[in-house]
C-alpha atoms as a PDB file:
ATOM      1  CA  MET A   1      14.394  -5.114 -22.652  1.00  0.00           C
ATOM      2  CA  ARG A   2      13.792  -3.632 -19.195  1.00  0.00           C
ATOM      3  CA  GLN A   3      10.509  -4.201 -17.441  1.00  0.00           C
ATOM      4  CA  VAL A   4       9.437  -1.195 -15.396  1.00  0.00           C
ATOM      5  CA  THR A   5       6.249   0.099 -13.831  1.00  0.00           C
ATOM      6  CA  ALA A   6       4.919   3.331 -12.367  1.00  0.00           C
ATOM      7  CA  VAL A   7       4.093   3.244  -8.642  1.00  0.00           C
ATOM      8  CA  ARG A   8       2.865   5.688  -6.033  1.00  0.00           C
ATOM      9  CA  MET A   9       5.164   5.919  -3.053  1.00  0.00           C
ATOM     10  CA  LEU A  10       3.469   5.667   0.337  1.00  0.00           C
ATOM     11  CA  THR A  11       4.712   5.865   3.897  1.00  0.00           C
ATOM     12  CA  ALA A  12       3.429   3.861   6.861  1.00  0.00           C
ATOM     13  CA  VAL A  13       1.418   5.606   9.572  1.00  0.00           C
ATOM     14  CA  ASN A  14       1.987   4.774  13.271  1.00  0.00           C
ATOM     15  CA  SER A  15       5.495   3.407  12.558  1.00  0.00           C
ATOM     16  CA  GLY A  16       3.953   0.619  10.450  1.00  0.00           C
ATOM     17  CA  PHE A  17       2.188  -1.062  13.362  1.00  0.00           C
ATOM     18  CA  PRO A  18      -1.131  -2.744  12.456  1.00  0.00           C
ATOM     19  CA  SER A  19      -4.321  -1.226  13.855  1.00  0.00           C
ATOM     20  CA  ASP A  20      -5.894  -2.874  16.898  1.00  0.00           C
ATOM     21  CA  ILE A  21      -9.289  -2.487  15.202  1.00  0.00           C
ATOM     22  CA  HIS A  22      -8.762  -4.209  11.845  1.00  0.00           C
ATOM     23  CA  GLY A  23      -5.204  -5.555  12.003  1.00  0.00           C
ATOM     24  CA  LEU A  24      -4.052  -3.686   8.890  1.00  0.00           C
ATOM     25  CA  VAL A  25      -1.316  -1.111   8.418  1.00  0.00           C
ATOM     26  CA  THR A  26      -2.395   2.388   7.372  1.00  0.00           C
ATOM     27  CA  ALA A  27      -0.354   4.229   4.737  1.00  0.00           C
ATOM     28  CA  GLN A  28      -0.473   7.749   3.345  1.00  0.00           C
ATOM     29  CA  MET A  29       1.105   9.636   0.459  1.00  0.00           C
ATOM     30  CA  LYS A  30       4.712  10.613   1.125  1.00  0.00           C
ATOM     31  CA  GLN A  31       4.949  14.355   1.571  1.00  0.00           C
ATOM     32  CA  ASP A  32       7.932  14.681  -0.770  1.00  0.00           C
ATOM     33  CA  ALA A  33       6.842  12.068  -3.343  1.00  0.00           C
ATOM     34  CA  ARG A  34       6.130  12.692  -7.001  1.00  0.00           C
ATOM     35  CA  GLN A  35       2.781  11.583  -8.385  1.00  0.00           C
ATOM     36  CA  PHE A  36       4.400   8.412  -9.770  1.00  0.00           C
ATOM     37  CA  THR A  37       7.871   6.879  -9.534  1.00  0.00           C
ATOM     38  CA  ILE A  38       9.292   4.472 -12.145  1.00  0.00           C
ATOM     39  CA  VAL A  39      10.774   1.272 -10.671  1.00  0.00           C
ATOM     40  CA  HIS A  40      12.233  -1.940 -12.089  1.00  0.00           C
ATOM     41  CA  LEU A  41       9.820  -4.882 -11.731  1.00  0.00           C
ATOM     42  CA  GLY A  42      12.563  -6.945 -10.108  1.00  0.00           C
ATOM     43  CA  THR A  43      12.444  -4.702  -7.021  1.00  0.00           C
ATOM     44  CA  ILE A  44       8.795  -5.570  -6.293  1.00  0.00           C
ATOM     45  CA  HIS A  45       8.589  -8.370  -3.710  1.00  0.00           C
ATOM     46  CA  GLY A  46       4.884  -9.148  -3.839  1.00  0.00           C
ATOM     47  CA  LEU A  47       1.334  -7.931  -4.167  1.00  0.00           C
ATOM     48  CA  ALA A  48      -0.593  -5.851  -1.680  1.00  0.00           C
ATOM     49  CA  GLN A  49      -4.190  -4.738  -1.695  1.00  0.00           C
ATOM     50  CA  VAL A  50      -4.799  -1.101  -0.755  1.00  0.00           C
ATOM     51  CA  ILE A  51      -8.238  -0.043   0.458  1.00  0.00           C
ATOM     52  CA  SER A  52      -9.108   3.657   0.436  1.00  0.00           C
ATOM     53  CA  GLU A  53      -9.617   5.105   3.908  1.00  0.00           C
ATOM     54  CA  GLY A  54     -10.160   8.686   2.839  1.00  0.00           C
ATOM     55  CA  GLU A  55      -8.196  11.474   1.226  1.00  0.00           C
ATOM     56  CA  GLN A  56      -4.689  10.123   0.478  1.00  0.00           C
ATOM     57  CA  ARG A  57      -4.868   7.368   3.150  1.00  0.00           C
ATOM     58  CA  TRP A  58      -5.120   3.619   2.577  1.00  0.00           C
ATOM     59  CA  LEU A  59      -5.299   0.378   4.517  1.00  0.00           C
ATOM     60  CA  VAL A  60      -2.671  -2.101   3.326  1.00  0.00           C
ATOM     61  CA  ASN A  61      -3.574  -5.797   3.169  1.00  0.00           C
ATOM     62  CA  SER A  62      -0.344  -7.648   2.514  1.00  0.00           C
ATOM     63  CA  PRO A  63      -0.226 -10.474   1.699  1.00  0.00           C
ATOM     64  CA  ILE A  64      -3.597 -10.383   0.029  1.00  0.00           C
ATOM     65  CA  ASP A  65      -6.084 -12.219   2.221  1.00  0.00           C
ATOM     66  CA  LEU A  66      -9.490 -12.893   0.647  1.00  0.00           C
ATOM     67  CA  ARG A  67     -11.254 -13.054   4.035  1.00  0.00           C
ATOM     68  CA  THR A  68     -10.087  -9.534   4.921  1.00  0.00           C
ATOM     69  CA  PHE A  69     -10.829  -8.327   1.384  1.00  0.00           C
ATOM     70  CA  ASN A  70     -14.422  -9.559   1.604  1.00  0.00           C
ATOM     71  CA  GLU A  71     -14.913  -7.962   5.043  1.00  0.00           C
ATOM     72  CA  GLY A  72     -13.648  -4.634   3.663  1.00  0.00           C
ATOM     73  CA  TYR A  73     -16.315  -4.614   0.990  1.00  0.00           C
END
């Protein structure tokens, strides 16, 4: 049995450098990406929290840090 999942592919904004304001990386939808891509679970390295920053843009909190999560909400 193969374990797979559907993911949305994002691309880092600002070459993946964290923001000076909040210290998180901003990501946006890849221009050429499908709505969802199927990947094997073994290729996922860890969890990340994504916080909506507007239309098709997110802040990425990786690894998940509860202090930052609580400040975001």
